[in-house]
Amino acid sequence: MTVIAAPLRLEAYFLRRARTPVTRTGMGPRRSLRSRHRLGDMARLVAGVGGGLRSGVDVGDVVVASEVLAPDGTVTPCAPGLLVEDLRHAGLTVHYGPICCVPRLGGAPGAGALAVEMESCWLAPPSGVPFAVVRAISDSVGAPLLRPSIIRNGLSALRALQRAVPALDVWAGLHTTSEVS
């Protein structure tokens, strides 16, 4: 079985039209670790919002992770398959590259990452289990998080996440096994 892991209730709401089961995992490392144990060996795609770290990664864009960088330096590879192409066919602006995780808002992001978030490294499944991460950008270098525009920007990101649902379902359909190789 494959699941879409949505850390926040609002993210899960915008993913509700997915054919793939969506499970809310909770925000931050502690809740994510608890959810990782609950999800066991299921293939998973983490989907939600994140912050853009580079110029050109703008609000409403989508970042697909090539790998997830943990605060301790651990690197978890992702297997996005055709997600980038499928998301572009959906009309989204897509970037492909590393995403870093921080334990709390405002944490120092990893060098070289395109986006930052607070859950994926702690939600990663055991080695050999299909894993992908898609983050819609709600704040960026040009539109910082702690501004009044975050409400409008957050809604733009959530709408991009909603437009991504068909591509997320395609990825999930191709990774239905829950067996570790």
N, C-alpha and C. Protein backbone atom coordinates (compact mmCIF):
# COMPACT_ATOMS: atom_id res chain seq x y z
N MET A 1 0.84 -1.18 0.00
CA MET A 1 0.00 0.00 0.00
C MET A 1 0.89 1.25 0.00
N THR A 2 0.40 2.29 -0.61
CA THR A 2 1.09 3.58 -0.66
C THR A 2 0.22 4.63 0.01
N VAL A 3 0.85 5.58 0.67
CA VAL A 3 0.13 6.62 1.37
C VAL A 3 0.75 7.98 1.02
N ILE A 4 -0.11 9.00 1.02
CA ILE A 4 0.37 10.38 0.94
C ILE A 4 0.38 10.90 2.38
N ALA A 5 1.55 11.30 2.85
CA ALA A 5 1.70 11.80 4.21
C ALA A 5 1.65 13.33 4.18
N ALA A 6 0.63 13.89 4.82
CA ALA A 6 0.46 15.34 4.88
C ALA A 6 0.63 15.77 6.33
N PRO A 7 1.68 16.53 6.64
CA PRO A 7 1.92 16.91 8.02
C PRO A 7 0.78 17.72 8.66
N LEU A 8 0.22 18.67 7.96
CA LEU A 8 -0.78 19.56 8.56
C LEU A 8 -2.20 19.24 8.09
N ARG A 9 -3.16 19.53 8.95
CA ARG A 9 -4.57 19.30 8.63
C ARG A 9 -4.96 20.07 7.37
N LEU A 10 -4.49 21.30 7.23
CA LEU A 10 -4.82 22.12 6.06
C LEU A 10 -4.23 21.50 4.78
N GLU A 11 -3.03 20.96 4.86
CA GLU A 11 -2.44 20.28 3.70
C GLU A 11 -3.27 19.06 3.32
N ALA A 12 -3.65 18.28 4.32
CA ALA A 12 -4.49 17.09 4.06
C ALA A 12 -5.82 17.50 3.42
N TYR A 13 -6.38 18.61 3.87
CA TYR A 13 -7.64 19.10 3.29
C TYR A 13 -7.47 19.40 1.79
N PHE A 14 -6.39 20.04 1.41
CA PHE A 14 -6.17 20.38 0.01
C PHE A 14 -5.77 19.16 -0.83
N LEU A 15 -5.44 18.06 -0.18
CA LEU A 15 -5.11 16.81 -0.88
C LEU A 15 -6.28 15.82 -0.87
N ARG A 16 -7.41 16.23 -0.33
CA ARG A 16 -8.53 15.32 -0.09
C ARG A 16 -9.09 14.64 -1.33
N ARG A 17 -8.87 15.20 -2.51
CA ARG A 17 -9.40 14.60 -3.74
C ARG A 17 -8.52 13.48 -4.29
N ALA A 18 -7.44 13.20 -3.61
CA ALA A 18 -6.54 12.13 -4.05
C ALA A 18 -7.24 10.77 -3.93
N ARG A 19 -6.97 9.90 -4.89
CA ARG A 19 -7.46 8.52 -4.79
C ARG A 19 -6.61 7.74 -3.79
N THR A 20 -5.37 8.15 -3.63
CA THR A 20 -4.45 7.53 -2.68
C THR A 20 -4.82 7.98 -1.27
N PRO A 21 -4.77 7.05 -0.30
CA PRO A 21 -5.07 7.47 1.08
C PRO A 21 -4.13 8.58 1.54
N VAL A 22 -4.71 9.59 2.17
CA VAL A 22 -3.94 10.71 2.74
C VAL A 22 -4.01 10.57 4.25
N THR A 23 -2.85 10.58 4.89
CA THR A 23 -2.82 10.51 6.34
C THR A 23 -2.12 11.75 6.89
N ARG A 24 -2.72 12.33 7.90
CA ARG A 24 -2.12 13.49 8.55
C ARG A 24 -1.09 12.99 9.56
N THR A 25 0.12 13.49 9.46
CA THR A 25 1.20 12.98 10.29
C THR A 25 1.60 13.89 11.44
N GLY A 26 1.23 15.15 11.37
CA GLY A 26 1.60 16.09 12.41
C GLY A 26 2.86 16.86 12.04
N MET A 27 2.99 18.04 12.63
CA MET A 27 4.10 18.95 12.33
C MET A 27 5.29 18.66 13.22
N GLY A 28 6.47 18.72 12.64
CA GLY A 28 7.71 18.65 13.40
C GLY A 28 8.25 17.24 13.59
N PRO A 29 9.45 17.16 14.15
CA PRO A 29 10.15 15.88 14.28
C PRO A 29 9.45 14.85 15.17
N ARG A 30 8.98 15.24 16.33
CA ARG A 30 8.38 14.28 17.27
C ARG A 30 7.16 13.59 16.68
N ARG A 31 6.25 14.37 16.12
CA ARG A 31 5.04 13.79 15.54
C ARG A 31 5.38 12.98 14.28
N SER A 32 6.35 13.46 13.52
CA SER A 32 6.75 12.75 12.30
C SER A 32 7.36 11.39 12.64
N LEU A 33 8.21 11.33 13.65
CA LEU A 33 8.79 10.04 14.05
C LEU A 33 7.71 9.07 14.52
N ARG A 34 6.75 9.57 15.26
CA ARG A 34 5.65 8.72 15.72
C ARG A 34 4.87 8.19 14.51
N SER A 35 4.62 9.05 13.53
CA SER A 35 3.90 8.63 12.33
C SER A 35 4.72 7.66 11.50
N ARG A 36 6.03 7.88 11.42
CA ARG A 36 6.88 6.96 10.65
C ARG A 36 6.74 5.54 11.18
N HIS A 37 6.73 5.38 12.47
CA HIS A 37 6.58 4.04 13.06
C HIS A 37 5.21 3.47 12.74
N ARG A 38 4.19 4.30 12.77
CA ARG A 38 2.82 3.85 12.46
C ARG A 38 2.71 3.42 11.00
N LEU A 39 3.41 4.11 10.09
CA LEU A 39 3.34 3.80 8.66
C LEU A 39 4.17 2.57 8.29
N GLY A 40 5.09 2.18 9.13
CA GLY A 40 5.87 0.96 8.90
C GLY A 40 6.59 0.96 7.57
N ASP A 41 6.36 -0.09 6.78
CA ASP A 41 7.05 -0.28 5.50
C ASP A 41 6.24 0.19 4.30
N MET A 42 5.21 0.99 4.52
CA MET A 42 4.42 1.49 3.40
C MET A 42 5.21 2.49 2.57
N ALA A 43 5.07 2.38 1.25
CA ALA A 43 5.63 3.41 0.37
C ALA A 43 4.94 4.71 0.73
N ARG A 44 5.69 5.82 0.66
CA ARG A 44 5.05 7.09 1.02
C ARG A 44 5.58 8.26 0.22
N LEU A 45 4.66 9.18 0.01
CA LEU A 45 4.97 10.44 -0.64
C LEU A 45 4.57 11.53 0.35
N VAL A 46 5.54 12.29 0.82
CA VAL A 46 5.26 13.39 1.74
C VAL A 46 4.89 14.61 0.89
N ALA A 47 3.75 15.20 1.15
CA ALA A 47 3.28 16.36 0.38
C ALA A 47 2.80 17.43 1.34
N GLY A 48 3.24 18.66 1.08
CA GLY A 48 2.84 19.78 1.91
C GLY A 48 3.49 21.06 1.42
N VAL A 49 3.54 22.03 2.30
CA VAL A 49 4.15 23.31 1.95
C VAL A 49 5.55 23.39 2.54
N GLY A 50 6.35 24.30 2.00
CA GLY A 50 7.71 24.50 2.47
C GLY A 50 8.18 25.89 2.09
N GLY A 51 9.37 26.20 2.52
CA GLY A 51 9.95 27.50 2.22
C GLY A 51 11.01 27.39 1.14
N GLY A 52 10.97 28.30 0.17
CA GLY A 52 11.97 28.35 -0.88
C GLY A 52 13.25 29.00 -0.37
N LEU A 53 14.39 28.42 -0.72
CA LEU A 53 15.67 28.91 -0.21
C LEU A 53 16.53 29.60 -1.24
N ARG A 54 16.17 29.52 -2.50
CA ARG A 54 16.98 30.12 -3.55
C ARG A 54 16.16 31.10 -4.37
N SER A 55 16.84 32.09 -4.88
CA SER A 55 16.20 33.02 -5.80
C SER A 55 15.68 32.21 -6.99
N GLY A 56 14.46 32.49 -7.41
CA GLY A 56 13.86 31.75 -8.51
C GLY A 56 12.95 30.63 -8.07
N VAL A 57 13.04 30.22 -6.80
CA VAL A 57 12.10 29.25 -6.23
C VAL A 57 11.06 30.09 -5.51
N ASP A 58 9.95 30.33 -6.21
CA ASP A 58 8.98 31.34 -5.79
C ASP A 58 7.71 30.75 -5.19
N VAL A 59 6.95 31.60 -4.53
CA VAL A 59 5.66 31.22 -3.95
C VAL A 59 4.80 30.61 -5.04
N GLY A 60 4.20 29.46 -4.74
CA GLY A 60 3.33 28.76 -5.68
C GLY A 60 4.07 27.76 -6.55
N ASP A 61 5.41 27.81 -6.56
CA ASP A 61 6.20 26.79 -7.26
C ASP A 61 6.16 25.49 -6.45
N VAL A 62 6.60 24.41 -7.07
CA VAL A 62 6.66 23.12 -6.41
C VAL A 62 8.10 22.62 -6.47
N VAL A 63 8.57 22.07 -5.37
CA VAL A 63 9.89 21.46 -5.33
C VAL A 63 9.71 19.96 -5.10
N VAL A 64 10.32 19.18 -5.98
CA VAL A 64 10.36 17.72 -5.85
C VAL A 64 11.76 17.37 -5.37
N ALA A 65 11.83 16.62 -4.28
CA ALA A 65 13.13 16.30 -3.68
C ALA A 65 13.89 15.23 -4.45
N SER A 66 15.16 15.51 -4.71
CA SER A 66 16.07 14.48 -5.20
C SER A 66 16.60 13.69 -4.01
N GLU A 67 16.70 14.40 -2.88
CA GLU A 67 17.15 13.82 -1.62
C GLU A 67 16.69 14.74 -0.50
N VAL A 68 16.65 14.17 0.71
CA VAL A 68 16.26 14.94 1.88
C VAL A 68 17.46 14.99 2.83
N LEU A 69 17.81 16.21 3.24
CA LEU A 69 18.95 16.43 4.12
C LEU A 69 18.47 16.65 5.55
N ALA A 70 18.94 15.81 6.46
CA ALA A 70 18.56 15.92 7.87
C ALA A 70 19.53 16.85 8.60
N PRO A 71 19.11 17.42 9.73
CA PRO A 71 19.99 18.31 10.49
C PRO A 71 21.30 17.65 10.93
N ASP A 72 21.30 16.33 11.12
CA ASP A 72 22.51 15.63 11.55
C ASP A 72 23.43 15.26 10.39
N GLY A 73 23.08 15.69 9.17
CA GLY A 73 23.91 15.41 8.01
C GLY A 73 23.50 14.17 7.23
N THR A 74 22.55 13.40 7.74
CA THR A 74 22.06 12.22 7.04
C THR A 74 21.37 12.65 5.75
N VAL A 75 21.64 11.92 4.68
CA VAL A 75 21.01 12.19 3.39
C VAL A 75 20.16 10.99 3.01
N THR A 76 18.87 11.23 2.77
CA THR A 76 17.96 10.17 2.34
C THR A 76 17.60 10.40 0.89
N PRO A 77 17.95 9.44 0.00
CA PRO A 77 17.61 9.60 -1.40
C PRO A 77 16.11 9.42 -1.62
N CYS A 78 15.59 10.11 -2.61
CA CYS A 78 14.18 9.99 -2.98
C CYS A 78 14.07 9.33 -4.35
N ALA A 79 12.91 8.77 -4.63
CA ALA A 79 12.66 8.12 -5.91
C ALA A 79 11.43 8.76 -6.55
N PRO A 80 11.61 9.97 -7.12
CA PRO A 80 10.45 10.68 -7.64
C PRO A 80 9.91 10.14 -8.96
N GLY A 81 10.66 9.29 -9.64
CA GLY A 81 10.18 8.75 -10.91
C GLY A 81 9.84 9.88 -11.87
N LEU A 82 8.62 9.85 -12.40
CA LEU A 82 8.19 10.84 -13.38
C LEU A 82 7.42 12.01 -12.76
N LEU A 83 7.52 12.17 -11.45
CA LEU A 83 6.77 13.24 -10.78
C LEU A 83 7.05 14.62 -11.38
N VAL A 84 8.31 14.93 -11.63
CA VAL A 84 8.65 16.26 -12.16
C VAL A 84 7.92 16.49 -13.47
N GLU A 85 8.01 15.54 -14.39
CA GLU A 85 7.33 15.68 -15.68
C GLU A 85 5.81 15.77 -15.53
N ASP A 86 5.26 14.90 -14.70
CA ASP A 86 3.80 14.89 -14.50
C ASP A 86 3.31 16.20 -13.89
N LEU A 87 4.07 16.75 -12.95
CA LEU A 87 3.68 18.02 -12.34
C LEU A 87 3.79 19.17 -13.34
N ARG A 88 4.80 19.14 -14.18
CA ARG A 88 4.93 20.17 -15.22
C ARG A 88 3.78 20.06 -16.22
N HIS A 89 3.38 18.84 -16.56
CA HIS A 89 2.23 18.66 -17.46
C HIS A 89 0.94 19.20 -16.84
N ALA A 90 0.91 19.26 -15.51
CA ALA A 90 -0.25 19.83 -14.81
C ALA A 90 -0.21 21.36 -14.80
N GLY A 91 0.84 21.94 -15.41
CA GLY A 91 0.94 23.39 -15.50
C GLY A 91 1.65 24.04 -14.33
N LEU A 92 2.31 23.25 -13.49
CA LEU A 92 3.01 23.80 -12.33
C LEU A 92 4.47 24.12 -12.67
N THR A 93 5.02 25.12 -12.00
CA THR A 93 6.45 25.41 -12.10
C THR A 93 7.15 24.51 -11.10
N VAL A 94 8.02 23.64 -11.59
CA VAL A 94 8.63 22.60 -10.76
C VAL A 94 10.14 22.74 -10.74
N HIS A 95 10.71 22.57 -9.55
CA HIS A 95 12.15 22.55 -9.34
C HIS A 95 12.50 21.18 -8.77
N TYR A 96 13.65 20.65 -9.16
CA TYR A 96 14.08 19.34 -8.69
C TYR A 96 15.45 19.47 -8.02
N GLY A 97 15.54 19.03 -6.78
CA GLY A 97 16.81 19.11 -6.06
C GLY A 97 16.63 18.79 -4.59
N PRO A 98 17.66 19.02 -3.79
CA PRO A 98 17.62 18.68 -2.37
C PRO A 98 16.63 19.55 -1.58
N ILE A 99 16.02 18.93 -0.60
CA ILE A 99 15.17 19.61 0.38
C ILE A 99 15.79 19.32 1.74
N CYS A 100 15.88 20.35 2.59
CA CYS A 100 16.43 20.12 3.93
C CYS A 100 15.33 20.23 4.97
N CYS A 101 15.57 19.52 6.05
CA CYS A 101 14.64 19.54 7.19
C CYS A 101 15.28 20.28 8.35
N VAL A 102 14.47 21.01 9.06
CA VAL A 102 14.90 21.68 10.29
C VAL A 102 13.93 21.27 11.39
N PRO A 103 14.39 21.25 12.64
CA PRO A 103 13.52 20.80 13.72
C PRO A 103 12.46 21.81 14.17
N ARG A 104 12.63 23.08 13.77
CA ARG A 104 11.64 24.11 14.16
C ARG A 104 11.67 25.25 13.15
N LEU A 105 10.60 26.01 13.13
CA LEU A 105 10.53 27.17 12.24
C LEU A 105 11.71 28.08 12.50
N GLY A 106 12.32 28.57 11.45
CA GLY A 106 13.44 29.48 11.59
C GLY A 106 14.77 28.79 11.82
N GLY A 107 14.78 27.45 11.79
CA GLY A 107 16.04 26.72 11.95
C GLY A 107 16.96 26.97 10.77
N ALA A 108 18.25 26.79 10.98
CA ALA A 108 19.23 27.03 9.91
C ALA A 108 19.12 25.94 8.85
N PRO A 109 18.82 26.32 7.61
CA PRO A 109 18.67 25.33 6.54
C PRO A 109 20.01 24.79 6.06
N GLY A 110 19.96 23.60 5.47
CA GLY A 110 21.17 22.97 4.93
C GLY A 110 21.65 23.67 3.67
N ALA A 111 22.95 23.67 3.48
CA ALA A 111 23.55 24.32 2.30
C ALA A 111 23.18 23.56 1.04
N GLY A 112 22.87 24.31 0.00
CA GLY A 112 22.59 23.71 -1.30
C GLY A 112 21.16 23.27 -1.52
N ALA A 113 20.31 23.34 -0.50
CA ALA A 113 18.93 22.90 -0.65
C ALA A 113 18.10 23.94 -1.39
N LEU A 114 17.07 23.46 -2.09
CA LEU A 114 16.13 24.35 -2.78
C LEU A 114 15.01 24.81 -1.86
N ALA A 115 14.66 23.95 -0.89
CA ALA A 115 13.53 24.25 -0.01
C ALA A 115 13.81 23.70 1.38
N VAL A 116 13.06 24.21 2.35
CA VAL A 116 13.18 23.80 3.74
C VAL A 116 11.80 23.44 4.27
N GLU A 117 11.77 22.44 5.14
CA GLU A 117 10.53 22.02 5.80
C GLU A 117 10.89 21.31 7.09
N MET A 118 9.89 20.75 7.79
CA MET A 118 10.13 20.24 9.14
C MET A 118 9.73 18.78 9.37
N GLU A 119 9.54 17.99 8.30
CA GLU A 119 9.04 16.65 8.56
C GLU A 119 9.68 15.50 7.77
N SER A 120 10.01 15.70 6.52
CA SER A 120 10.32 14.58 5.62
C SER A 120 11.44 13.66 6.08
N CYS A 121 12.52 14.19 6.64
CA CYS A 121 13.61 13.30 7.06
C CYS A 121 13.16 12.38 8.17
N TRP A 122 12.22 12.82 9.00
CA TRP A 122 11.72 12.00 10.10
C TRP A 122 10.59 11.08 9.66
N LEU A 123 10.00 11.34 8.49
CA LEU A 123 8.96 10.47 7.94
C LEU A 123 9.51 9.43 6.96
N ALA A 124 10.79 9.53 6.62
CA ALA A 124 11.37 8.63 5.62
C ALA A 124 11.20 7.17 6.03
N PRO A 125 10.83 6.32 5.07
CA PRO A 125 10.64 4.89 5.36
C PRO A 125 11.98 4.17 5.41
N PRO A 126 11.96 2.89 5.77
CA PRO A 126 13.20 2.11 5.74
C PRO A 126 13.80 2.08 4.34
N SER A 127 15.09 1.88 4.27
CA SER A 127 15.80 1.80 2.98
C SER A 127 15.14 0.76 2.08
N GLY A 128 15.00 1.11 0.80
CA GLY A 128 14.41 0.20 -0.17
C GLY A 128 12.92 0.39 -0.37
N VAL A 129 12.27 1.17 0.49
CA VAL A 129 10.84 1.45 0.36
C VAL A 129 10.68 2.72 -0.45
N PRO A 130 9.82 2.73 -1.48
CA PRO A 130 9.64 3.93 -2.29
C PRO A 130 9.28 5.15 -1.45
N PHE A 131 9.95 6.27 -1.77
CA PHE A 131 9.81 7.50 -0.99
C PHE A 131 9.97 8.70 -1.91
N ALA A 132 9.05 9.64 -1.82
CA ALA A 132 9.14 10.88 -2.59
C ALA A 132 8.65 12.02 -1.71
N VAL A 133 9.10 13.23 -2.04
CA VAL A 133 8.70 14.43 -1.30
C VAL A 133 8.37 15.52 -2.30
N VAL A 134 7.20 16.14 -2.12
CA VAL A 134 6.75 17.25 -2.95
C VAL A 134 6.32 18.37 -2.00
N ARG A 135 6.93 19.54 -2.18
CA ARG A 135 6.60 20.70 -1.35
C ARG A 135 6.22 21.88 -2.23
N ALA A 136 5.05 22.46 -1.96
CA ALA A 136 4.62 23.68 -2.62
C ALA A 136 5.14 24.85 -1.79
N ILE A 137 5.69 25.84 -2.45
CA ILE A 137 6.38 26.92 -1.75
C ILE A 137 5.39 28.00 -1.28
N SER A 138 5.43 28.25 0.05
CA SER A 138 4.55 29.24 0.67
C SER A 138 5.29 30.52 1.05
N ASP A 139 6.61 30.43 1.18
CA ASP A 139 7.43 31.61 1.47
C ASP A 139 8.76 31.39 0.76
N SER A 140 9.41 32.50 0.44
CA SER A 140 10.62 32.40 -0.37
C SER A 140 11.60 33.51 0.01
N VAL A 141 12.72 33.53 -0.69
CA VAL A 141 13.72 34.57 -0.46
C VAL A 141 13.07 35.95 -0.64
N GLY A 142 12.24 36.10 -1.66
CA GLY A 142 11.59 37.38 -1.94
C GLY A 142 10.30 37.62 -1.18
N ALA A 143 9.77 36.60 -0.52
CA ALA A 143 8.51 36.70 0.22
C ALA A 143 8.66 35.94 1.54
N PRO A 144 9.34 36.54 2.54
CA PRO A 144 9.63 35.86 3.80
C PRO A 144 8.37 35.41 4.55
N LEU A 145 8.58 34.42 5.41
CA LEU A 145 7.49 33.79 6.16
C LEU A 145 6.75 34.78 7.06
N LEU A 146 7.44 35.58 7.80
CA LEU A 146 6.80 36.44 8.80
C LEU A 146 6.41 37.80 8.23
N ARG A 147 5.51 37.75 7.27
CA ARG A 147 4.96 38.95 6.64
C ARG A 147 3.45 38.77 6.53
N PRO A 148 2.68 39.85 6.48
CA PRO A 148 1.23 39.71 6.31
C PRO A 148 0.84 38.95 5.04
N SER A 149 1.70 38.98 4.03
CA SER A 149 1.39 38.30 2.77
C SER A 149 1.43 36.78 2.89
N ILE A 150 1.86 36.23 4.04
CA ILE A 150 1.95 34.77 4.17
C ILE A 150 0.59 34.11 4.01
N ILE A 151 -0.47 34.78 4.37
CA ILE A 151 -1.81 34.18 4.21
C ILE A 151 -2.11 33.99 2.73
N ARG A 152 -1.93 35.02 1.95
CA ARG A 152 -2.16 34.92 0.50
C ARG A 152 -1.17 33.93 -0.13
N ASN A 153 0.09 34.02 0.29
CA ASN A 153 1.12 33.13 -0.26
C ASN A 153 0.88 31.68 0.14
N GLY A 154 0.46 31.47 1.36
CA GLY A 154 0.15 30.11 1.81
C GLY A 154 -1.00 29.52 1.01
N LEU A 155 -1.99 30.32 0.72
CA LEU A 155 -3.12 29.84 -0.09
C LEU A 155 -2.66 29.51 -1.51
N SER A 156 -1.76 30.30 -2.07
CA SER A 156 -1.20 29.99 -3.40
C SER A 156 -0.49 28.65 -3.38
N ALA A 157 0.27 28.41 -2.33
CA ALA A 157 0.99 27.13 -2.20
C ALA A 157 0.01 25.97 -2.07
N LEU A 158 -1.01 26.14 -1.25
CA LEU A 158 -1.99 25.07 -1.07
C LEU A 158 -2.77 24.77 -2.36
N ARG A 159 -3.05 25.80 -3.13
CA ARG A 159 -3.71 25.57 -4.43
C ARG A 159 -2.79 24.82 -5.39
N ALA A 160 -1.49 25.13 -5.36
CA ALA A 160 -0.53 24.38 -6.18
C ALA A 160 -0.49 22.92 -5.73
N LEU A 161 -0.53 22.70 -4.44
CA LEU A 161 -0.56 21.33 -3.91
C LEU A 161 -1.80 20.59 -4.40
N GLN A 162 -2.92 21.28 -4.40
CA GLN A 162 -4.17 20.70 -4.87
C GLN A 162 -4.08 20.33 -6.36
N ARG A 163 -3.45 21.19 -7.15
CA ARG A 163 -3.28 20.92 -8.59
C ARG A 163 -2.33 19.75 -8.83
N ALA A 164 -1.50 19.44 -7.85
CA ALA A 164 -0.53 18.34 -7.96
C ALA A 164 -1.16 16.97 -7.73
N VAL A 165 -2.36 16.92 -7.17
CA VAL A 165 -2.97 15.64 -6.77
C VAL A 165 -2.95 14.57 -7.86
N PRO A 166 -3.35 14.85 -9.10
CA PRO A 166 -3.32 13.77 -10.10
C PRO A 166 -1.92 13.17 -10.30
N ALA A 167 -0.90 13.99 -10.28
CA ALA A 167 0.48 13.48 -10.43
C ALA A 167 0.89 12.66 -9.21
N LEU A 168 0.45 13.08 -8.02
CA LEU A 168 0.76 12.32 -6.81
C LEU A 168 0.11 10.95 -6.87
N ASP A 169 -1.12 10.91 -7.37
CA ASP A 169 -1.83 9.63 -7.52
C ASP A 169 -1.12 8.71 -8.50
N VAL A 170 -0.61 9.27 -9.59
CA VAL A 170 0.12 8.45 -10.56
C VAL A 170 1.35 7.84 -9.90
N TRP A 171 2.13 8.65 -9.17
CA TRP A 171 3.31 8.12 -8.48
C TRP A 171 2.90 7.01 -7.52
N ALA A 172 1.87 7.26 -6.73
CA ALA A 172 1.42 6.27 -5.75
C ALA A 172 0.98 4.98 -6.44
N GLY A 173 0.31 5.09 -7.56
CA GLY A 173 -0.15 3.91 -8.29
C GLY A 173 0.99 3.05 -8.80
N LEU A 174 2.12 3.68 -9.07
CA LEU A 174 3.29 2.94 -9.55
C LEU A 174 4.11 2.32 -8.41
N HIS A 175 3.79 2.69 -7.18
CA HIS A 175 4.54 2.21 -6.01
C HIS A 175 3.61 1.61 -4.98
N THR A 176 2.82 0.65 -5.39
CA THR A 176 1.82 0.08 -4.51
C THR A 176 2.34 -0.98 -3.57
N THR A 177 3.55 -1.46 -3.80
CA THR A 177 4.08 -2.50 -2.92
C THR A 177 4.46 -1.94 -1.57
N SER A 178 4.29 -2.71 -0.53
CA SER A 178 4.74 -2.29 0.80
C SER A 178 5.91 -3.15 1.27
N GLU A 179 6.41 -3.97 0.39
CA GLU A 179 7.53 -4.85 0.75
C GLU A 179 8.86 -4.13 0.64
N VAL A 180 9.75 -4.38 1.55
CA VAL A 180 11.10 -3.84 1.49
C VAL A 180 11.91 -4.82 0.64
N SER A 181 12.65 -4.31 -0.37
CA SER A 181 13.43 -5.19 -1.23
C SER A 181 14.69 -5.63 -0.56
